[in-house]
Amino acid sequence: MIPGIILFTVLGIIPLLLIPALIKKPDSRLADRLNLFKDMHWSWSYSIYVAFALIGWIQIQLIFLQSAVYWLHTFYIFYGLLIILIALLPQMRIAYQKKM
């Protein structure tokens, strides 16, 4: 039950909350505290965090399954990498850079 709650929260609810945040770019002191990229908007940083969480979750699944790798694992690993690559595009970095 605990892994399901973590999965639902980190890879379910948080990405749904990130969609409007990525569009509107609201200010949030609480979210900025956990932002490791201080020059970037927190929603951009959190999208990277979610992508790494997805990749990490799949890697942990593969460790527990040991030799059973399904096509869906590969799909989600590439999906996480795609999120990171798109976020790191120069156009995206410019669009989400904080105005000083």
N, C-alpha and C. Protein backbone atom coordinates (compact mmCIF):
# COMPACT_ATOMS: atom_id res chain seq x y z
N MET A 1 0.82 -1.20 0.00
CA MET A 1 0.00 0.00 0.00
C MET A 1 0.86 1.26 0.00
N ILE A 2 1.94 1.27 0.77
CA ILE A 2 2.80 2.44 0.85
C ILE A 2 3.44 2.76 -0.51
N PRO A 3 4.00 1.77 -1.23
CA PRO A 3 4.54 2.10 -2.55
C PRO A 3 3.48 2.66 -3.50
N GLY A 4 2.26 2.17 -3.40
CA GLY A 4 1.18 2.69 -4.24
C GLY A 4 0.86 4.14 -3.93
N ILE A 5 0.87 4.50 -2.65
CA ILE A 5 0.62 5.89 -2.25
C ILE A 5 1.74 6.79 -2.76
N ILE A 6 2.98 6.34 -2.63
CA ILE A 6 4.12 7.12 -3.13
C ILE A 6 4.02 7.28 -4.64
N LEU A 7 3.73 6.20 -5.33
CA LEU A 7 3.60 6.25 -6.79
C LEU A 7 2.47 7.19 -7.20
N PHE A 8 1.33 7.09 -6.55
CA PHE A 8 0.19 7.94 -6.88
C PHE A 8 0.50 9.42 -6.64
N THR A 9 1.21 9.72 -5.57
CA THR A 9 1.52 11.10 -5.24
C THR A 9 2.62 11.66 -6.14
N VAL A 10 3.77 10.98 -6.17
CA VAL A 10 4.94 11.52 -6.87
C VAL A 10 4.78 11.48 -8.39
N LEU A 11 4.19 10.41 -8.91
CA LEU A 11 4.08 10.29 -10.37
C LEU A 11 2.65 10.46 -10.87
N GLY A 12 1.73 10.83 -9.98
CA GLY A 12 0.34 11.05 -10.37
C GLY A 12 -0.13 12.46 -10.09
N ILE A 13 -0.19 12.80 -8.81
CA ILE A 13 -0.73 14.11 -8.41
C ILE A 13 0.24 15.24 -8.73
N ILE A 14 1.50 15.08 -8.39
CA ILE A 14 2.47 16.17 -8.61
C ILE A 14 2.56 16.56 -10.09
N PRO A 15 2.65 15.62 -11.03
CA PRO A 15 2.66 16.04 -12.44
C PRO A 15 1.38 16.76 -12.86
N LEU A 16 0.23 16.35 -12.31
CA LEU A 16 -1.02 17.05 -12.63
C LEU A 16 -1.01 18.49 -12.11
N LEU A 17 -0.39 18.70 -10.95
CA LEU A 17 -0.29 20.05 -10.41
C LEU A 17 0.76 20.88 -11.14
N LEU A 18 1.73 20.20 -11.74
CA LEU A 18 2.78 20.91 -12.48
C LEU A 18 2.29 21.49 -13.80
N ILE A 19 1.28 20.90 -14.40
CA ILE A 19 0.80 21.37 -15.70
C ILE A 19 0.38 22.84 -15.63
N PRO A 20 -0.53 23.23 -14.72
CA PRO A 20 -0.88 24.66 -14.66
C PRO A 20 0.29 25.53 -14.20
N ALA A 21 1.16 24.97 -13.35
CA ALA A 21 2.32 25.75 -12.88
C ALA A 21 3.29 26.03 -14.02
N LEU A 22 3.46 25.07 -14.92
CA LEU A 22 4.34 25.29 -16.07
C LEU A 22 3.74 26.31 -17.04
N ILE A 23 2.42 26.36 -17.10
CA ILE A 23 1.76 27.30 -18.01
C ILE A 23 1.74 28.71 -17.43
N LYS A 24 1.35 28.85 -16.15
CA LYS A 24 1.16 30.17 -15.55
C LYS A 24 2.38 30.72 -14.83
N LYS A 25 3.30 29.86 -14.44
CA LYS A 25 4.52 30.23 -13.71
C LYS A 25 4.24 31.04 -12.45
N PRO A 26 3.44 30.51 -11.53
CA PRO A 26 3.15 31.25 -10.30
C PRO A 26 4.36 31.25 -9.35
N ASP A 27 4.41 32.25 -8.49
CA ASP A 27 5.46 32.31 -7.47
C ASP A 27 5.04 31.47 -6.28
N SER A 28 6.01 30.80 -5.67
CA SER A 28 5.74 29.99 -4.49
C SER A 28 7.02 29.91 -3.66
N ARG A 29 6.96 30.47 -2.46
CA ARG A 29 8.14 30.42 -1.58
C ARG A 29 8.45 29.00 -1.15
N LEU A 30 7.40 28.25 -0.85
CA LEU A 30 7.59 26.86 -0.41
C LEU A 30 8.24 26.03 -1.51
N ALA A 31 7.75 26.15 -2.72
CA ALA A 31 8.32 25.39 -3.83
C ALA A 31 9.73 25.85 -4.15
N ASP A 32 10.01 27.14 -3.98
CA ASP A 32 11.35 27.66 -4.26
C ASP A 32 12.39 27.15 -3.26
N ARG A 33 11.95 26.79 -2.07
CA ARG A 33 12.90 26.26 -1.08
C ARG A 33 13.52 24.95 -1.52
N LEU A 34 12.75 24.13 -2.24
CA LEU A 34 13.26 22.83 -2.71
C LEU A 34 13.84 22.90 -4.12
N ASN A 35 13.90 24.08 -4.67
CA ASN A 35 14.41 24.27 -6.03
C ASN A 35 15.94 24.31 -5.99
N LEU A 36 16.58 23.32 -6.58
CA LEU A 36 18.04 23.29 -6.62
C LEU A 36 18.61 24.22 -7.68
N PHE A 37 17.81 24.58 -8.67
CA PHE A 37 18.25 25.45 -9.75
C PHE A 37 17.69 26.84 -9.47
N LYS A 38 18.40 27.64 -8.70
CA LYS A 38 17.89 28.93 -8.22
C LYS A 38 17.65 29.94 -9.33
N ASP A 39 18.29 29.77 -10.48
CA ASP A 39 18.09 30.71 -11.58
C ASP A 39 16.90 30.33 -12.46
N MET A 40 16.27 29.18 -12.17
CA MET A 40 15.15 28.69 -12.98
C MET A 40 13.87 28.71 -12.15
N HIS A 41 12.73 28.80 -12.86
CA HIS A 41 11.44 28.74 -12.17
C HIS A 41 11.27 27.37 -11.54
N TRP A 42 10.62 27.33 -10.39
CA TRP A 42 10.49 26.08 -9.65
C TRP A 42 9.73 25.00 -10.42
N SER A 43 8.78 25.37 -11.26
CA SER A 43 8.01 24.36 -12.00
C SER A 43 8.90 23.62 -13.01
N TRP A 44 9.84 24.33 -13.59
CA TRP A 44 10.80 23.70 -14.51
C TRP A 44 11.64 22.68 -13.74
N SER A 45 12.12 23.07 -12.58
CA SER A 45 12.95 22.17 -11.76
C SER A 45 12.16 20.94 -11.33
N TYR A 46 10.91 21.15 -10.95
CA TYR A 46 10.10 20.03 -10.48
C TYR A 46 9.78 19.05 -11.61
N SER A 47 9.70 19.54 -12.84
CA SER A 47 9.49 18.62 -13.95
C SER A 47 10.70 17.71 -14.12
N ILE A 48 11.88 18.24 -13.89
CA ILE A 48 13.10 17.42 -13.93
C ILE A 48 13.09 16.42 -12.78
N TYR A 49 12.67 16.88 -11.59
CA TYR A 49 12.59 15.98 -10.44
C TYR A 49 11.65 14.81 -10.72
N VAL A 50 10.49 15.11 -11.31
CA VAL A 50 9.52 14.06 -11.60
C VAL A 50 10.08 13.07 -12.62
N ALA A 51 10.81 13.57 -13.61
CA ALA A 51 11.41 12.68 -14.61
C ALA A 51 12.43 11.75 -13.96
N PHE A 52 13.25 12.27 -13.06
CA PHE A 52 14.21 11.42 -12.36
C PHE A 52 13.51 10.44 -11.43
N ALA A 53 12.41 10.87 -10.81
CA ALA A 53 11.64 9.96 -9.96
C ALA A 53 11.06 8.81 -10.79
N LEU A 54 10.58 9.13 -11.99
CA LEU A 54 10.05 8.09 -12.88
C LEU A 54 11.13 7.08 -13.26
N ILE A 55 12.28 7.58 -13.65
CA ILE A 55 13.39 6.69 -14.02
C ILE A 55 13.83 5.86 -12.82
N GLY A 56 13.93 6.51 -11.65
CA GLY A 56 14.30 5.78 -10.44
C GLY A 56 13.29 4.72 -10.06
N TRP A 57 12.01 5.03 -10.19
CA TRP A 57 10.96 4.06 -9.86
C TRP A 57 11.06 2.82 -10.76
N ILE A 58 11.26 3.07 -12.05
CA ILE A 58 11.37 1.94 -12.98
C ILE A 58 12.63 1.12 -12.68
N GLN A 59 13.72 1.79 -12.35
CA GLN A 59 14.95 1.06 -12.02
C GLN A 59 14.75 0.18 -10.79
N ILE A 60 14.06 0.70 -9.78
CA ILE A 60 13.78 -0.10 -8.58
C ILE A 60 12.89 -1.29 -8.93
N GLN A 61 11.90 -1.06 -9.78
CA GLN A 61 11.06 -2.18 -10.23
C GLN A 61 11.90 -3.26 -10.91
N LEU A 62 12.81 -2.84 -11.75
CA LEU A 62 13.65 -3.80 -12.47
C LEU A 62 14.55 -4.58 -11.52
N ILE A 63 15.00 -3.92 -10.45
CA ILE A 63 15.81 -4.62 -9.45
C ILE A 63 14.99 -5.70 -8.78
N PHE A 64 13.76 -5.37 -8.42
CA PHE A 64 12.90 -6.36 -7.75
C PHE A 64 12.46 -7.47 -8.69
N LEU A 65 12.23 -7.14 -9.96
CA LEU A 65 11.81 -8.17 -10.92
C LEU A 65 12.98 -8.99 -11.43
N GLN A 66 14.17 -8.51 -11.26
CA GLN A 66 15.43 -9.11 -11.68
C GLN A 66 15.48 -9.35 -13.18
N SER A 67 15.12 -10.50 -13.67
CA SER A 67 15.35 -10.78 -15.09
C SER A 67 14.15 -10.44 -15.98
N ALA A 68 13.04 -10.00 -15.39
CA ALA A 68 11.84 -9.73 -16.19
C ALA A 68 11.78 -8.25 -16.58
N VAL A 69 12.13 -7.96 -17.82
CA VAL A 69 12.03 -6.60 -18.34
C VAL A 69 10.99 -6.61 -19.44
N TYR A 70 9.99 -5.76 -19.28
CA TYR A 70 8.91 -5.69 -20.26
C TYR A 70 9.07 -4.43 -21.09
N TRP A 71 8.39 -4.38 -22.22
CA TRP A 71 8.50 -3.24 -23.12
C TRP A 71 8.05 -1.96 -22.43
N LEU A 72 7.14 -2.05 -21.48
CA LEU A 72 6.63 -0.87 -20.79
C LEU A 72 7.71 -0.22 -19.93
N HIS A 73 8.60 -1.03 -19.35
CA HIS A 73 9.72 -0.47 -18.59
C HIS A 73 10.60 0.39 -19.49
N THR A 74 10.91 -0.14 -20.64
CA THR A 74 11.75 0.59 -21.60
C THR A 74 11.05 1.86 -22.05
N PHE A 75 9.75 1.79 -22.31
CA PHE A 75 8.98 2.96 -22.72
C PHE A 75 9.07 4.06 -21.67
N TYR A 76 8.85 3.72 -20.40
CA TYR A 76 8.85 4.74 -19.34
C TYR A 76 10.24 5.29 -19.06
N ILE A 77 11.27 4.48 -19.22
CA ILE A 77 12.64 5.00 -19.09
C ILE A 77 12.89 6.05 -20.18
N PHE A 78 12.52 5.74 -21.42
CA PHE A 78 12.70 6.71 -22.50
C PHE A 78 11.80 7.92 -22.33
N TYR A 79 10.61 7.72 -21.76
CA TYR A 79 9.70 8.84 -21.50
C TYR A 79 10.32 9.80 -20.48
N GLY A 80 10.92 9.27 -19.42
CA GLY A 80 11.61 10.10 -18.44
C GLY A 80 12.79 10.83 -19.05
N LEU A 81 13.56 10.14 -19.88
CA LEU A 81 14.68 10.78 -20.56
C LEU A 81 14.21 11.87 -21.52
N LEU A 82 13.09 11.65 -22.19
CA LEU A 82 12.53 12.64 -23.10
C LEU A 82 12.10 13.90 -22.34
N ILE A 83 11.50 13.73 -21.18
CA ILE A 83 11.12 14.89 -20.35
C ILE A 83 12.36 15.69 -19.99
N ILE A 84 13.42 15.02 -19.58
CA ILE A 84 14.66 15.72 -19.21
C ILE A 84 15.27 16.42 -20.42
N LEU A 85 15.33 15.74 -21.56
CA LEU A 85 15.91 16.35 -22.76
C LEU A 85 15.12 17.57 -23.22
N ILE A 86 13.81 17.50 -23.18
CA ILE A 86 13.00 18.65 -23.58
C ILE A 86 13.18 19.80 -22.60
N ALA A 87 13.24 19.49 -21.31
CA ALA A 87 13.43 20.54 -20.31
C ALA A 87 14.80 21.22 -20.46
N LEU A 88 15.79 20.48 -20.93
CA LEU A 88 17.13 21.04 -21.06
C LEU A 88 17.38 21.75 -22.40
N LEU A 89 16.40 21.75 -23.27
CA LEU A 89 16.55 22.49 -24.52
C LEU A 89 16.78 23.97 -24.22
N PRO A 90 17.63 24.63 -25.01
CA PRO A 90 17.90 26.06 -24.75
C PRO A 90 16.64 26.92 -24.73
N GLN A 91 15.68 26.62 -25.61
CA GLN A 91 14.45 27.41 -25.65
C GLN A 91 13.67 27.28 -24.34
N MET A 92 13.63 26.08 -23.78
CA MET A 92 12.92 25.86 -22.52
C MET A 92 13.65 26.53 -21.36
N ARG A 93 14.96 26.45 -21.37
CA ARG A 93 15.72 27.10 -20.29
C ARG A 93 15.52 28.60 -20.33
N ILE A 94 15.47 29.19 -21.52
CA ILE A 94 15.23 30.63 -21.63
C ILE A 94 13.82 30.98 -21.18
N ALA A 95 12.84 30.17 -21.56
CA ALA A 95 11.44 30.44 -21.22
C ALA A 95 11.19 30.35 -19.72
N TYR A 96 11.93 29.51 -19.00
CA TYR A 96 11.68 29.32 -17.58
C TYR A 96 12.75 29.92 -16.68
N GLN A 97 13.64 30.72 -17.27
CA GLN A 97 14.65 31.38 -16.46
C GLN A 97 14.00 32.50 -15.66
N LYS A 98 14.41 32.63 -14.41
CA LYS A 98 13.85 33.67 -13.55
C LYS A 98 14.31 35.04 -14.02
N LYS A 99 13.42 35.98 -13.93
CA LYS A 99 13.75 37.37 -14.26
C LYS A 99 14.39 37.98 -13.03
N MET A 100 15.61 38.42 -13.15
CA MET A 100 16.32 39.01 -12.00
C MET A 100 16.08 40.48 -11.90
